[in-house]
Amino acid sequence: MDATAGDGIGGTAGDGDGTFWDPSQCTGTPYCPPRCPRFVDKYGGGLIIRPYTPGDWEPLKEMYRDYGREHRSMGIPPIGEKYITEWLSGLVERGRNFVAVGDDGIVGHIAYAPRDDPEPEIAVFVHQDSHNRGIGTELCRHAIADAADSGHEALVLHVAKENRRAIHVYLGLGFEVVASESMDTKMRLVLDQSVLTETRTTPVHDETTPASSTEF
């Protein structure tokens, strides 16, 4: 991918000397965001997960242009410049968005929308070259922490019934399957102070342990 990382905190994933500070032992301060933007994946690679900025528009579109057709589900992300632009514009205008930025630029994206809905819906996507690193799961934790901190009552999502891997991840994050008239599986996570407390802590990844096939 040739996506360019944003400026500031998301400009590069490393700390300039080839290392990346692991936040797993940090307790944070009252001035920290709901979840630490620094993330170390299962292989020791450092990334920044932060709110979307206008400078991310073109790099994010580039990620979706290069998104493998076989990894699309329920028609999203869409295919084609026009449809990607329309779909992404809606998420940016109506939702709350976060991006995962690595050394090669933006590799993941999550949004929940509408941002003013008590129970907005989330959608998360990780470029196929960055699967099996835990990035999608970490993006979900950021969205959960942000939504809880913003006073939302719950988050909902829809996932294809055959996508057992994603369903397993969402169950592990606390989502529950709820009744729905649609053909896919609807899941819901109630947000309260305990959820915010749990998601403020960054999990420790043991680099000697192989990546789980149930995280994305």
N, C-alpha and C. Protein backbone atom coordinates (compact mmCIF):
# COMPACT_ATOMS: atom_id res chain seq x y z
N MET A 1 0.84 -1.19 0.00
CA MET A 1 0.00 0.00 0.00
C MET A 1 0.87 1.24 0.00
N ASP A 2 0.35 2.33 -0.60
CA ASP A 2 1.11 3.56 -0.67
C ASP A 2 0.40 4.67 0.07
N ALA A 3 -0.36 4.27 1.11
CA ALA A 3 -1.07 5.28 1.88
C ALA A 3 -0.10 6.05 2.75
N THR A 4 -0.31 7.36 2.86
CA THR A 4 0.58 8.21 3.64
C THR A 4 0.00 8.44 5.01
N ALA A 5 0.82 8.28 6.02
CA ALA A 5 0.36 8.48 7.39
C ALA A 5 0.07 9.96 7.63
N GLY A 6 -0.79 10.23 8.61
CA GLY A 6 -1.12 11.61 8.94
C GLY A 6 -0.02 12.29 9.73
N ASP A 7 -0.29 13.53 10.12
CA ASP A 7 0.69 14.31 10.86
C ASP A 7 0.53 14.09 12.36
N GLY A 8 1.45 14.65 13.13
CA GLY A 8 1.33 14.64 14.57
C GLY A 8 1.48 13.25 15.15
N ILE A 9 0.58 12.92 16.05
CA ILE A 9 0.70 11.67 16.79
C ILE A 9 0.62 10.47 15.87
N GLY A 10 -0.07 10.61 14.74
CA GLY A 10 -0.20 9.47 13.83
C GLY A 10 0.78 9.50 12.69
N GLY A 11 1.75 10.41 12.71
CA GLY A 11 2.65 10.55 11.59
C GLY A 11 3.46 9.30 11.32
N THR A 12 4.03 8.71 12.36
CA THR A 12 4.75 7.45 12.24
C THR A 12 4.39 6.58 13.42
N ALA A 13 4.51 5.29 13.23
CA ALA A 13 4.14 4.37 14.30
C ALA A 13 5.25 4.24 15.32
N GLY A 14 6.49 4.38 14.91
CA GLY A 14 7.60 4.21 15.84
C GLY A 14 7.94 5.49 16.57
N ASP A 15 8.99 5.43 17.39
CA ASP A 15 9.41 6.59 18.16
C ASP A 15 10.64 7.24 17.58
N GLY A 16 10.99 6.93 16.35
CA GLY A 16 12.10 7.59 15.70
C GLY A 16 13.40 6.82 15.76
N ASP A 17 13.52 5.88 16.69
CA ASP A 17 14.77 5.12 16.81
C ASP A 17 14.55 3.64 16.53
N GLY A 18 13.41 3.32 15.88
CA GLY A 18 13.12 1.93 15.55
C GLY A 18 12.42 1.17 16.65
N THR A 19 12.12 1.83 17.77
CA THR A 19 11.43 1.18 18.87
C THR A 19 10.04 1.78 19.01
N PHE A 20 9.22 1.13 19.82
CA PHE A 20 7.86 1.64 20.04
C PHE A 20 7.51 1.39 21.49
N TRP A 21 7.08 2.43 22.15
CA TRP A 21 6.76 2.32 23.57
C TRP A 21 5.49 1.50 23.77
N ASP A 22 5.61 0.42 24.56
CA ASP A 22 4.47 -0.45 24.84
C ASP A 22 3.66 0.16 25.97
N PRO A 23 2.39 0.49 25.73
CA PRO A 23 1.58 1.16 26.75
C PRO A 23 0.90 0.22 27.75
N SER A 24 1.19 -1.07 27.69
CA SER A 24 0.42 -2.03 28.48
C SER A 24 0.56 -1.82 29.99
N GLN A 25 1.65 -1.19 30.44
CA GLN A 25 1.84 -0.97 31.87
C GLN A 25 1.46 0.45 32.30
N CYS A 26 0.99 1.25 31.36
CA CYS A 26 0.66 2.64 31.67
C CYS A 26 -0.72 2.71 32.32
N THR A 27 -0.85 3.45 33.39
CA THR A 27 -2.14 3.59 34.08
C THR A 27 -2.90 4.82 33.60
N GLY A 28 -2.24 5.67 32.81
CA GLY A 28 -2.92 6.83 32.25
C GLY A 28 -3.07 7.97 33.23
N THR A 29 -3.62 9.06 32.76
CA THR A 29 -3.89 10.25 33.58
C THR A 29 -5.29 10.75 33.24
N PRO A 30 -5.82 11.69 34.03
CA PRO A 30 -7.15 12.24 33.71
C PRO A 30 -7.19 12.95 32.37
N TYR A 31 -6.04 13.27 31.81
CA TYR A 31 -5.99 14.00 30.54
C TYR A 31 -5.85 13.07 29.34
N CYS A 32 -5.72 11.78 29.57
CA CYS A 32 -5.59 10.82 28.47
C CYS A 32 -6.93 10.62 27.77
N PRO A 33 -6.92 10.21 26.51
CA PRO A 33 -8.18 9.84 25.84
C PRO A 33 -8.74 8.58 26.47
N PRO A 34 -9.97 8.21 26.14
CA PRO A 34 -10.57 7.01 26.75
C PRO A 34 -9.72 5.76 26.61
N ARG A 35 -8.93 5.66 25.54
CA ARG A 35 -8.03 4.52 25.35
C ARG A 35 -6.73 5.03 24.73
N CYS A 36 -5.60 4.48 25.18
CA CYS A 36 -4.30 4.93 24.72
C CYS A 36 -4.18 4.72 23.21
N PRO A 37 -3.71 5.73 22.46
CA PRO A 37 -3.60 5.57 21.01
C PRO A 37 -2.47 4.65 20.57
N ARG A 38 -1.51 4.38 21.45
CA ARG A 38 -0.40 3.51 21.07
C ARG A 38 -0.80 2.04 21.23
N PHE A 39 -0.47 1.24 20.22
CA PHE A 39 -0.83 -0.17 20.25
C PHE A 39 0.31 -1.00 19.69
N VAL A 40 0.66 -2.08 20.39
CA VAL A 40 1.67 -3.02 19.93
C VAL A 40 0.95 -4.30 19.53
N ASP A 41 1.11 -4.71 18.26
CA ASP A 41 0.39 -5.87 17.79
C ASP A 41 1.03 -7.17 18.28
N LYS A 42 0.49 -8.29 17.84
CA LYS A 42 0.93 -9.59 18.36
C LYS A 42 2.34 -9.96 17.95
N TYR A 43 2.88 -9.22 17.00
CA TYR A 43 4.24 -9.50 16.54
C TYR A 43 5.23 -8.43 16.97
N GLY A 44 4.79 -7.55 17.86
CA GLY A 44 5.68 -6.51 18.37
C GLY A 44 5.72 -5.26 17.53
N GLY A 45 4.88 -5.17 16.50
CA GLY A 45 4.84 -3.98 15.66
C GLY A 45 4.01 -2.88 16.30
N GLY A 46 4.49 -1.65 16.20
CA GLY A 46 3.78 -0.53 16.80
C GLY A 46 2.87 0.19 15.84
N LEU A 47 1.69 0.57 16.32
CA LEU A 47 0.74 1.35 15.53
C LEU A 47 0.15 2.45 16.40
N ILE A 48 -0.44 3.44 15.74
CA ILE A 48 -1.21 4.47 16.42
C ILE A 48 -2.66 4.32 15.98
N ILE A 49 -3.56 4.33 16.94
CA ILE A 49 -4.99 4.31 16.63
C ILE A 49 -5.56 5.62 17.17
N ARG A 50 -6.09 6.41 16.29
CA ARG A 50 -6.49 7.77 16.65
C ARG A 50 -7.73 8.19 15.87
N PRO A 51 -8.38 9.29 16.30
CA PRO A 51 -9.53 9.79 15.55
C PRO A 51 -9.15 10.21 14.13
N TYR A 52 -10.06 10.03 13.22
CA TYR A 52 -9.90 10.45 11.83
C TYR A 52 -9.72 11.96 11.75
N THR A 53 -8.87 12.41 10.83
CA THR A 53 -8.70 13.83 10.55
C THR A 53 -8.89 14.04 9.04
N PRO A 54 -9.16 15.26 8.59
CA PRO A 54 -9.35 15.51 7.16
C PRO A 54 -8.17 15.06 6.30
N GLY A 55 -6.96 15.09 6.86
CA GLY A 55 -5.79 14.66 6.11
C GLY A 55 -5.77 13.17 5.83
N ASP A 56 -6.66 12.42 6.47
CA ASP A 56 -6.72 10.96 6.27
C ASP A 56 -7.59 10.57 5.08
N TRP A 57 -8.27 11.54 4.47
CA TRP A 57 -9.26 11.23 3.44
C TRP A 57 -8.68 10.42 2.29
N GLU A 58 -7.64 10.92 1.66
CA GLU A 58 -7.08 10.23 0.51
C GLU A 58 -6.40 8.90 0.90
N PRO A 59 -5.59 8.87 1.98
CA PRO A 59 -5.01 7.58 2.37
C PRO A 59 -6.06 6.52 2.70
N LEU A 60 -7.17 6.96 3.31
CA LEU A 60 -8.22 6.00 3.66
C LEU A 60 -8.92 5.50 2.40
N LYS A 61 -9.18 6.39 1.46
CA LYS A 61 -9.76 5.96 0.19
C LYS A 61 -8.82 4.98 -0.53
N GLU A 62 -7.52 5.23 -0.44
CA GLU A 62 -6.55 4.33 -1.07
C GLU A 62 -6.61 2.94 -0.44
N MET A 63 -6.78 2.89 0.89
CA MET A 63 -6.91 1.58 1.54
C MET A 63 -8.11 0.82 0.98
N TYR A 64 -9.22 1.52 0.78
CA TYR A 64 -10.42 0.85 0.29
C TYR A 64 -10.34 0.53 -1.19
N ARG A 65 -9.61 1.31 -1.95
CA ARG A 65 -9.41 0.96 -3.37
C ARG A 65 -8.66 -0.37 -3.48
N ASP A 66 -7.76 -0.61 -2.54
CA ASP A 66 -6.91 -1.80 -2.57
C ASP A 66 -7.48 -2.94 -1.73
N TYR A 67 -8.70 -2.78 -1.25
CA TYR A 67 -9.32 -3.78 -0.38
C TYR A 67 -9.75 -4.99 -1.21
N GLY A 68 -9.30 -6.16 -0.82
CA GLY A 68 -9.59 -7.38 -1.56
C GLY A 68 -11.08 -7.70 -1.64
N ARG A 69 -11.55 -8.03 -2.83
CA ARG A 69 -12.96 -8.35 -3.02
C ARG A 69 -13.41 -9.51 -2.13
N GLU A 70 -12.52 -10.48 -1.94
CA GLU A 70 -12.88 -11.66 -1.16
C GLU A 70 -13.05 -11.37 0.32
N HIS A 71 -12.60 -10.18 0.76
CA HIS A 71 -12.72 -9.82 2.17
C HIS A 71 -13.91 -8.91 2.44
N ARG A 72 -14.66 -8.58 1.39
CA ARG A 72 -15.84 -7.74 1.56
C ARG A 72 -17.01 -8.60 2.04
N SER A 73 -17.89 -7.97 2.81
CA SER A 73 -19.02 -8.72 3.36
C SER A 73 -20.27 -7.86 3.34
N MET A 74 -21.38 -8.44 2.95
CA MET A 74 -22.68 -7.76 2.92
C MET A 74 -22.61 -6.48 2.08
N GLY A 75 -21.78 -6.50 1.04
CA GLY A 75 -21.72 -5.38 0.12
C GLY A 75 -20.82 -4.23 0.52
N ILE A 76 -20.12 -4.37 1.65
CA ILE A 76 -19.21 -3.30 2.07
C ILE A 76 -17.85 -3.88 2.44
N PRO A 77 -16.81 -3.07 2.27
CA PRO A 77 -16.84 -1.76 1.62
C PRO A 77 -17.19 -1.89 0.15
N PRO A 78 -17.78 -0.85 -0.43
CA PRO A 78 -18.20 -0.93 -1.83
C PRO A 78 -17.00 -0.94 -2.78
N ILE A 79 -17.28 -1.22 -4.03
CA ILE A 79 -16.25 -1.28 -5.06
C ILE A 79 -16.46 -0.13 -6.05
N GLY A 80 -15.37 0.52 -6.44
CA GLY A 80 -15.47 1.61 -7.41
C GLY A 80 -15.32 2.96 -6.75
N GLU A 81 -14.62 3.86 -7.41
CA GLU A 81 -14.31 5.18 -6.85
C GLU A 81 -15.55 5.93 -6.40
N LYS A 82 -16.57 5.97 -7.24
CA LYS A 82 -17.78 6.71 -6.91
C LYS A 82 -18.44 6.17 -5.66
N TYR A 83 -18.58 4.86 -5.58
CA TYR A 83 -19.30 4.25 -4.46
C TYR A 83 -18.47 4.30 -3.17
N ILE A 84 -17.17 4.16 -3.28
CA ILE A 84 -16.30 4.30 -2.11
C ILE A 84 -16.42 5.71 -1.56
N THR A 85 -16.37 6.70 -2.44
CA THR A 85 -16.44 8.09 -2.03
C THR A 85 -17.76 8.41 -1.34
N GLU A 86 -18.87 7.96 -1.91
CA GLU A 86 -20.18 8.23 -1.32
C GLU A 86 -20.33 7.55 0.03
N TRP A 87 -19.92 6.30 0.10
CA TRP A 87 -20.04 5.54 1.34
C TRP A 87 -19.17 6.12 2.44
N LEU A 88 -17.92 6.42 2.12
CA LEU A 88 -16.99 6.95 3.11
C LEU A 88 -17.39 8.36 3.54
N SER A 89 -17.91 9.15 2.61
CA SER A 89 -18.37 10.50 2.94
C SER A 89 -19.47 10.44 4.00
N GLY A 90 -20.38 9.48 3.85
CA GLY A 90 -21.46 9.33 4.82
C GLY A 90 -20.95 8.98 6.21
N LEU A 91 -19.97 8.09 6.26
CA LEU A 91 -19.40 7.72 7.55
C LEU A 91 -18.69 8.90 8.21
N VAL A 92 -17.94 9.65 7.43
CA VAL A 92 -17.19 10.78 7.97
C VAL A 92 -18.13 11.89 8.43
N GLU A 93 -19.18 12.16 7.65
CA GLU A 93 -20.10 13.25 7.97
C GLU A 93 -21.02 12.91 9.14
N ARG A 94 -21.44 11.66 9.24
CA ARG A 94 -22.46 11.29 10.22
C ARG A 94 -21.91 10.54 11.41
N GLY A 95 -20.70 10.01 11.29
CA GLY A 95 -20.21 9.13 12.34
C GLY A 95 -18.97 9.61 13.06
N ARG A 96 -18.54 8.79 13.95
CA ARG A 96 -17.29 8.97 14.69
C ARG A 96 -16.32 7.94 14.13
N ASN A 97 -15.15 8.37 13.65
CA ASN A 97 -14.23 7.50 12.92
C ASN A 97 -12.85 7.45 13.56
N PHE A 98 -12.23 6.27 13.51
CA PHE A 98 -10.86 6.08 13.98
C PHE A 98 -10.08 5.33 12.91
N VAL A 99 -8.78 5.61 12.84
CA VAL A 99 -7.91 4.92 11.90
C VAL A 99 -6.74 4.30 12.64
N ALA A 100 -6.25 3.17 12.11
CA ALA A 100 -5.05 2.52 12.61
C ALA A 100 -3.91 2.85 11.66
N VAL A 101 -2.86 3.47 12.17
CA VAL A 101 -1.75 3.94 11.34
C VAL A 101 -0.48 3.19 11.71
N GLY A 102 0.10 2.52 10.72
CA GLY A 102 1.36 1.82 10.89
C GLY A 102 2.45 2.48 10.08
N ASP A 103 3.57 1.83 9.95
CA ASP A 103 4.69 2.40 9.19
C ASP A 103 4.35 2.61 7.72
N ASP A 104 3.39 1.84 7.19
CA ASP A 104 3.01 1.96 5.79
C ASP A 104 1.76 2.81 5.59
N GLY A 105 1.35 3.52 6.62
CA GLY A 105 0.16 4.36 6.51
C GLY A 105 -1.05 3.74 7.16
N ILE A 106 -2.23 4.12 6.70
CA ILE A 106 -3.48 3.64 7.30
C ILE A 106 -3.74 2.19 6.88
N VAL A 107 -3.94 1.33 7.87
CA VAL A 107 -4.18 -0.09 7.61
C VAL A 107 -5.52 -0.56 8.16
N GLY A 108 -6.22 0.29 8.90
CA GLY A 108 -7.50 -0.11 9.47
C GLY A 108 -8.37 1.10 9.74
N HIS A 109 -9.68 0.85 9.83
CA HIS A 109 -10.65 1.92 10.01
C HIS A 109 -11.87 1.38 10.73
N ILE A 110 -12.39 2.15 11.67
CA ILE A 110 -13.65 1.80 12.32
C ILE A 110 -14.48 3.06 12.44
N ALA A 111 -15.79 2.90 12.35
CA ALA A 111 -16.71 4.03 12.50
C ALA A 111 -17.94 3.56 13.24
N TYR A 112 -18.53 4.47 14.03
CA TYR A 112 -19.87 4.21 14.53
C TYR A 112 -20.74 5.42 14.16
N ALA A 113 -21.94 5.10 13.68
CA ALA A 113 -22.82 6.14 13.15
C ALA A 113 -24.29 5.72 13.31
N PRO A 114 -25.20 6.70 13.39
CA PRO A 114 -24.95 8.14 13.48
C PRO A 114 -24.37 8.49 14.85
N ARG A 115 -23.56 9.53 14.90
CA ARG A 115 -22.88 9.87 16.15
C ARG A 115 -23.84 10.39 17.21
N ASP A 116 -25.03 10.87 16.80
CA ASP A 116 -25.99 11.39 17.77
C ASP A 116 -27.07 10.39 18.14
N ASP A 117 -26.94 9.15 17.67
CA ASP A 117 -27.90 8.09 18.01
C ASP A 117 -27.50 7.47 19.34
N PRO A 118 -28.47 7.21 20.23
CA PRO A 118 -28.13 6.57 21.51
C PRO A 118 -27.48 5.19 21.32
N GLU A 119 -27.84 4.52 20.20
CA GLU A 119 -27.28 3.20 19.92
C GLU A 119 -26.77 3.15 18.48
N PRO A 120 -25.64 3.80 18.20
CA PRO A 120 -25.11 3.81 16.84
C PRO A 120 -24.59 2.44 16.43
N GLU A 121 -24.41 2.26 15.12
CA GLU A 121 -23.91 1.00 14.58
C GLU A 121 -22.45 1.13 14.21
N ILE A 122 -21.66 0.10 14.49
CA ILE A 122 -20.25 0.14 14.17
C ILE A 122 -19.95 -0.72 12.93
N ALA A 123 -18.89 -0.34 12.25
CA ALA A 123 -18.37 -1.11 11.12
C ALA A 123 -16.86 -1.00 11.17
N VAL A 124 -16.14 -2.12 11.05
CA VAL A 124 -14.69 -2.12 11.17
C VAL A 124 -14.08 -2.87 10.00
N PHE A 125 -12.96 -2.33 9.49
CA PHE A 125 -12.28 -2.91 8.33
C PHE A 125 -10.77 -2.81 8.51
N VAL A 126 -10.08 -3.89 8.22
CA VAL A 126 -8.62 -3.93 8.27
C VAL A 126 -8.13 -4.43 6.92
N HIS A 127 -7.16 -3.74 6.33
CA HIS A 127 -6.62 -4.15 5.04
C HIS A 127 -6.10 -5.57 5.13
N GLN A 128 -6.30 -6.35 4.09
CA GLN A 128 -5.96 -7.78 4.13
C GLN A 128 -4.49 -8.04 4.44
N ASP A 129 -3.61 -7.12 4.11
CA ASP A 129 -2.18 -7.30 4.40
C ASP A 129 -1.86 -7.17 5.88
N SER A 130 -2.84 -6.70 6.67
CA SER A 130 -2.63 -6.49 8.10
C SER A 130 -3.56 -7.34 8.95
N HIS A 131 -4.16 -8.38 8.36
CA HIS A 131 -5.00 -9.29 9.14
C HIS A 131 -4.16 -10.10 10.13
N ASN A 132 -4.84 -10.66 11.12
CA ASN A 132 -4.23 -11.56 12.11
C ASN A 132 -3.19 -10.87 12.99
N ARG A 133 -3.34 -9.57 13.18
CA ARG A 133 -2.43 -8.83 14.07
C ARG A 133 -3.15 -8.29 15.29
N GLY A 134 -4.47 -8.46 15.36
CA GLY A 134 -5.26 -7.93 16.47
C GLY A 134 -5.68 -6.49 16.26
N ILE A 135 -5.46 -5.94 15.06
CA ILE A 135 -5.76 -4.53 14.81
C ILE A 135 -7.27 -4.27 14.83
N GLY A 136 -8.04 -5.15 14.19
CA GLY A 136 -9.48 -4.96 14.17
C GLY A 136 -10.08 -5.01 15.57
N THR A 137 -9.58 -5.93 16.39
CA THR A 137 -10.06 -6.03 17.76
C THR A 137 -9.72 -4.77 18.54
N GLU A 138 -8.51 -4.25 18.34
CA GLU A 138 -8.11 -3.03 19.04
C GLU A 138 -8.92 -1.83 18.56
N LEU A 139 -9.21 -1.75 17.27
CA LEU A 139 -10.07 -0.69 16.76
C LEU A 139 -11.44 -0.74 17.44
N CYS A 140 -11.96 -1.93 17.60
CA CYS A 140 -13.25 -2.09 18.29
C CYS A 140 -13.19 -1.57 19.71
N ARG A 141 -12.10 -1.86 20.40
CA ARG A 141 -11.96 -1.38 21.79
C ARG A 141 -11.94 0.15 21.83
N HIS A 142 -11.32 0.77 20.84
CA HIS A 142 -11.31 2.24 20.79
C HIS A 142 -12.70 2.79 20.58
N ALA A 143 -13.44 2.20 19.66
CA ALA A 143 -14.80 2.66 19.41
C ALA A 143 -15.68 2.47 20.64
N ILE A 144 -15.53 1.34 21.31
CA ILE A 144 -16.30 1.06 22.52
C ILE A 144 -15.97 2.09 23.60
N ALA A 145 -14.69 2.33 23.84
CA ALA A 145 -14.28 3.28 24.87
C ALA A 145 -14.78 4.68 24.56
N ASP A 146 -14.67 5.08 23.29
CA ASP A 146 -15.10 6.43 22.90
C ASP A 146 -16.60 6.58 23.03
N ALA A 147 -17.34 5.58 22.57
CA ALA A 147 -18.80 5.65 22.64
C ALA A 147 -19.28 5.67 24.09
N ALA A 148 -18.65 4.87 24.94
CA ALA A 148 -19.02 4.85 26.36
C ALA A 148 -18.70 6.19 27.01
N ASP A 149 -17.55 6.74 26.68
CA ASP A 149 -17.13 8.03 27.25
C ASP A 149 -18.03 9.16 26.77
N SER A 150 -18.60 9.00 25.58
CA SER A 150 -19.46 10.04 25.01
C SER A 150 -20.91 9.94 25.47
N GLY A 151 -21.22 8.93 26.26
CA GLY A 151 -22.55 8.81 26.84
C GLY A 151 -23.55 8.00 26.02
N HIS A 152 -23.08 7.25 25.03
CA HIS A 152 -24.01 6.41 24.27
C HIS A 152 -24.51 5.26 25.13
N GLU A 153 -25.70 4.80 24.86
CA GLU A 153 -26.30 3.73 25.66
C GLU A 153 -25.80 2.35 25.24
N ALA A 154 -25.54 2.17 23.96
CA ALA A 154 -25.12 0.85 23.46
C ALA A 154 -24.53 1.02 22.07
N LEU A 155 -23.87 -0.03 21.61
CA LEU A 155 -23.40 -0.12 20.23
C LEU A 155 -24.03 -1.36 19.61
N VAL A 156 -24.38 -1.28 18.34
CA VAL A 156 -24.92 -2.43 17.64
C VAL A 156 -24.10 -2.68 16.39
N LEU A 157 -24.20 -3.87 15.85
CA LEU A 157 -23.51 -4.20 14.61
C LEU A 157 -24.26 -5.33 13.92
N HIS A 158 -23.98 -5.47 12.64
CA HIS A 158 -24.53 -6.58 11.85
C HIS A 158 -23.36 -7.32 11.21
N VAL A 159 -23.40 -8.61 11.27
CA VAL A 159 -22.33 -9.44 10.72
C VAL A 159 -22.95 -10.64 10.01
N ALA A 160 -22.33 -11.06 8.91
CA ALA A 160 -22.84 -12.22 8.18
C ALA A 160 -22.84 -13.45 9.08
N LYS A 161 -23.91 -14.23 9.00
CA LYS A 161 -24.03 -15.40 9.87
C LYS A 161 -22.88 -16.38 9.71
N GLU A 162 -22.33 -16.46 8.50
CA GLU A 162 -21.24 -17.42 8.26
C GLU A 162 -19.88 -16.90 8.73
N ASN A 163 -19.81 -15.65 9.15
CA ASN A 163 -18.54 -15.08 9.59
C ASN A 163 -18.33 -15.42 11.07
N ARG A 164 -18.07 -16.68 11.33
CA ARG A 164 -17.94 -17.15 12.71
C ARG A 164 -16.75 -16.51 13.42
N ARG A 165 -15.71 -16.25 12.66
CA ARG A 165 -14.52 -15.64 13.24
C ARG A 165 -14.83 -14.27 13.85
N ALA A 166 -15.50 -13.42 13.07
CA ALA A 166 -15.84 -12.09 13.57
C ALA A 166 -16.83 -12.18 14.74
N ILE A 167 -17.81 -13.07 14.62
CA ILE A 167 -18.79 -13.23 15.70
C ILE A 167 -18.08 -13.62 17.00
N HIS A 168 -17.09 -14.50 16.91
CA HIS A 168 -16.35 -14.91 18.09
C HIS A 168 -15.63 -13.72 18.72
N VAL A 169 -15.03 -12.87 17.87
CA VAL A 169 -14.34 -11.68 18.38
C VAL A 169 -15.33 -10.76 19.09
N TYR A 170 -16.47 -10.51 18.47
CA TYR A 170 -17.44 -9.60 19.07
C TYR A 170 -18.00 -10.16 20.38
N LEU A 171 -18.21 -11.45 20.44
CA LEU A 171 -18.65 -12.05 21.71
C LEU A 171 -17.60 -11.83 22.79
N GLY A 172 -16.33 -11.97 22.42
CA GLY A 172 -15.24 -11.76 23.38
C GLY A 172 -15.16 -10.33 23.87
N LEU A 173 -15.65 -9.39 23.07
CA LEU A 173 -15.66 -7.98 23.45
C LEU A 173 -16.89 -7.61 24.27
N GLY A 174 -17.79 -8.56 24.45
CA GLY A 174 -18.97 -8.31 25.28
C GLY A 174 -20.26 -8.15 24.53
N PHE A 175 -20.24 -8.20 23.19
CA PHE A 175 -21.46 -8.10 22.42
C PHE A 175 -22.30 -9.36 22.61
N GLU A 176 -23.60 -9.19 22.51
CA GLU A 176 -24.52 -10.31 22.59
C GLU A 176 -25.39 -10.35 21.34
N VAL A 177 -25.73 -11.55 20.90
CA VAL A 177 -26.63 -11.69 19.76
C VAL A 177 -28.04 -11.33 20.19
N VAL A 178 -28.70 -10.49 19.39
CA VAL A 178 -30.07 -10.07 19.72
C VAL A 178 -30.99 -10.39 18.55
N ALA A 179 -32.27 -10.39 18.82
CA ALA A 179 -33.26 -10.72 17.80
C ALA A 179 -33.24 -9.69 16.67
N SER A 180 -33.40 -10.19 15.46
CA SER A 180 -33.40 -9.30 14.30
C SER A 180 -34.19 -9.95 13.17
N GLU A 181 -34.85 -9.13 12.36
CA GLU A 181 -35.61 -9.65 11.23
C GLU A 181 -34.73 -9.77 9.99
N SER A 182 -33.51 -9.28 10.04
CA SER A 182 -32.63 -9.33 8.88
C SER A 182 -32.02 -10.72 8.73
N MET A 183 -31.41 -10.95 7.58
CA MET A 183 -30.82 -12.25 7.30
C MET A 183 -29.47 -12.43 7.98
N ASP A 184 -28.87 -11.33 8.42
CA ASP A 184 -27.57 -11.43 9.08
C ASP A 184 -27.74 -11.52 10.59
N THR A 185 -26.62 -11.54 11.30
CA THR A 185 -26.64 -11.61 12.77
C THR A 185 -26.49 -10.21 13.35
N LYS A 186 -27.42 -9.81 14.20
CA LYS A 186 -27.34 -8.53 14.88
C LYS A 186 -26.79 -8.75 16.28
N MET A 187 -25.86 -7.87 16.69
CA MET A 187 -25.26 -7.97 18.01
C MET A 187 -25.31 -6.61 18.68
N ARG A 188 -25.33 -6.63 20.02
CA ARG A 188 -25.47 -5.38 20.78
C ARG A 188 -24.60 -5.43 22.03
N LEU A 189 -23.99 -4.29 22.34
CA LEU A 189 -23.18 -4.16 23.55
C LEU A 189 -23.70 -2.99 24.36
N VAL A 190 -24.14 -3.26 25.58
CA VAL A 190 -24.59 -2.20 26.49
C VAL A 190 -23.37 -1.48 27.04
N LEU A 191 -23.40 -0.15 27.02
CA LEU A 191 -22.27 0.65 27.47
C LEU A 191 -22.56 1.23 28.85
N ASP A 192 -21.64 1.00 29.77
CA ASP A 192 -21.76 1.58 31.11
C ASP A 192 -20.35 1.89 31.61
N GLN A 193 -20.25 2.34 32.84
CA GLN A 193 -18.95 2.74 33.38
C GLN A 193 -17.98 1.57 33.44
N SER A 194 -18.49 0.37 33.68
CA SER A 194 -17.59 -0.79 33.76
C SER A 194 -16.95 -1.06 32.40
N VAL A 195 -17.70 -0.85 31.31
CA VAL A 195 -17.15 -1.03 29.97
C VAL A 195 -16.04 -0.03 29.72
N LEU A 196 -16.26 1.22 30.13
CA LEU A 196 -15.23 2.25 29.95
C LEU A 196 -13.98 1.91 30.75
N THR A 197 -14.15 1.42 31.96
CA THR A 197 -13.01 1.05 32.80
C THR A 197 -12.22 -0.10 32.18
N GLU A 198 -12.92 -1.10 31.67
CA GLU A 198 -12.26 -2.26 31.07
C GLU A 198 -11.51 -1.90 29.79
N THR A 199 -12.10 -1.05 28.97
CA THR A 199 -11.46 -0.73 27.69
C THR A 199 -10.35 0.30 27.82
N ARG A 200 -10.20 0.92 28.97
CA ARG A 200 -9.11 1.88 29.17
C ARG A 200 -7.77 1.14 29.25
N THR A 201 -7.79 -0.12 29.63
CA THR A 201 -6.57 -0.89 29.80
C THR A 201 -6.18 -1.56 28.50
N THR A 202 -4.91 -1.41 28.10
CA THR A 202 -4.40 -2.05 26.90
C THR A 202 -3.90 -3.44 27.22
N PRO A 203 -4.36 -4.49 26.52
CA PRO A 203 -3.92 -5.85 26.82
C PRO A 203 -2.47 -6.07 26.44
N VAL A 204 -1.83 -6.98 27.16
CA VAL A 204 -0.44 -7.34 26.88
C VAL A 204 -0.42 -8.50 25.90
N HIS A 205 0.36 -8.39 24.82
CA HIS A 205 0.51 -9.47 23.86
C HIS A 205 1.81 -10.20 24.12
N ASP A 206 1.75 -11.50 24.26
CA ASP A 206 2.94 -12.32 24.43
C ASP A 206 3.49 -12.65 23.06
N GLU A 207 4.67 -12.12 22.73
CA GLU A 207 5.22 -12.29 21.39
C GLU A 207 5.61 -13.74 21.11
N THR A 208 5.67 -14.58 22.15
CA THR A 208 6.02 -15.98 21.93
C THR A 208 4.79 -16.80 21.56
N THR A 209 3.61 -16.20 21.68
CA THR A 209 2.38 -16.91 21.41
C THR A 209 1.91 -16.60 19.99
N PRO A 210 1.61 -17.60 19.17
CA PRO A 210 1.14 -17.34 17.81
C PRO A 210 -0.15 -16.55 17.81
N ALA A 211 -0.37 -15.80 16.76
CA ALA A 211 -1.59 -15.01 16.64
C ALA A 211 -2.80 -15.92 16.57
N SER A 212 -3.84 -15.52 17.29
CA SER A 212 -5.07 -16.31 17.27
C SER A 212 -5.83 -16.07 15.98
N SER A 213 -6.41 -17.10 15.45
CA SER A 213 -7.18 -16.96 14.21
C SER A 213 -8.54 -16.31 14.49
N THR A 214 -8.87 -16.08 15.78
CA THR A 214 -10.16 -15.48 16.09
C THR A 214 -10.06 -13.98 16.25
N GLU A 215 -8.89 -13.38 16.11
CA GLU A 215 -8.76 -11.94 16.14
C GLU A 215 -8.39 -11.46 14.74
N PHE A 216 -8.71 -10.21 14.47
CA PHE A 216 -8.47 -9.68 13.12
C PHE A 216 -7.87 -8.30 13.18
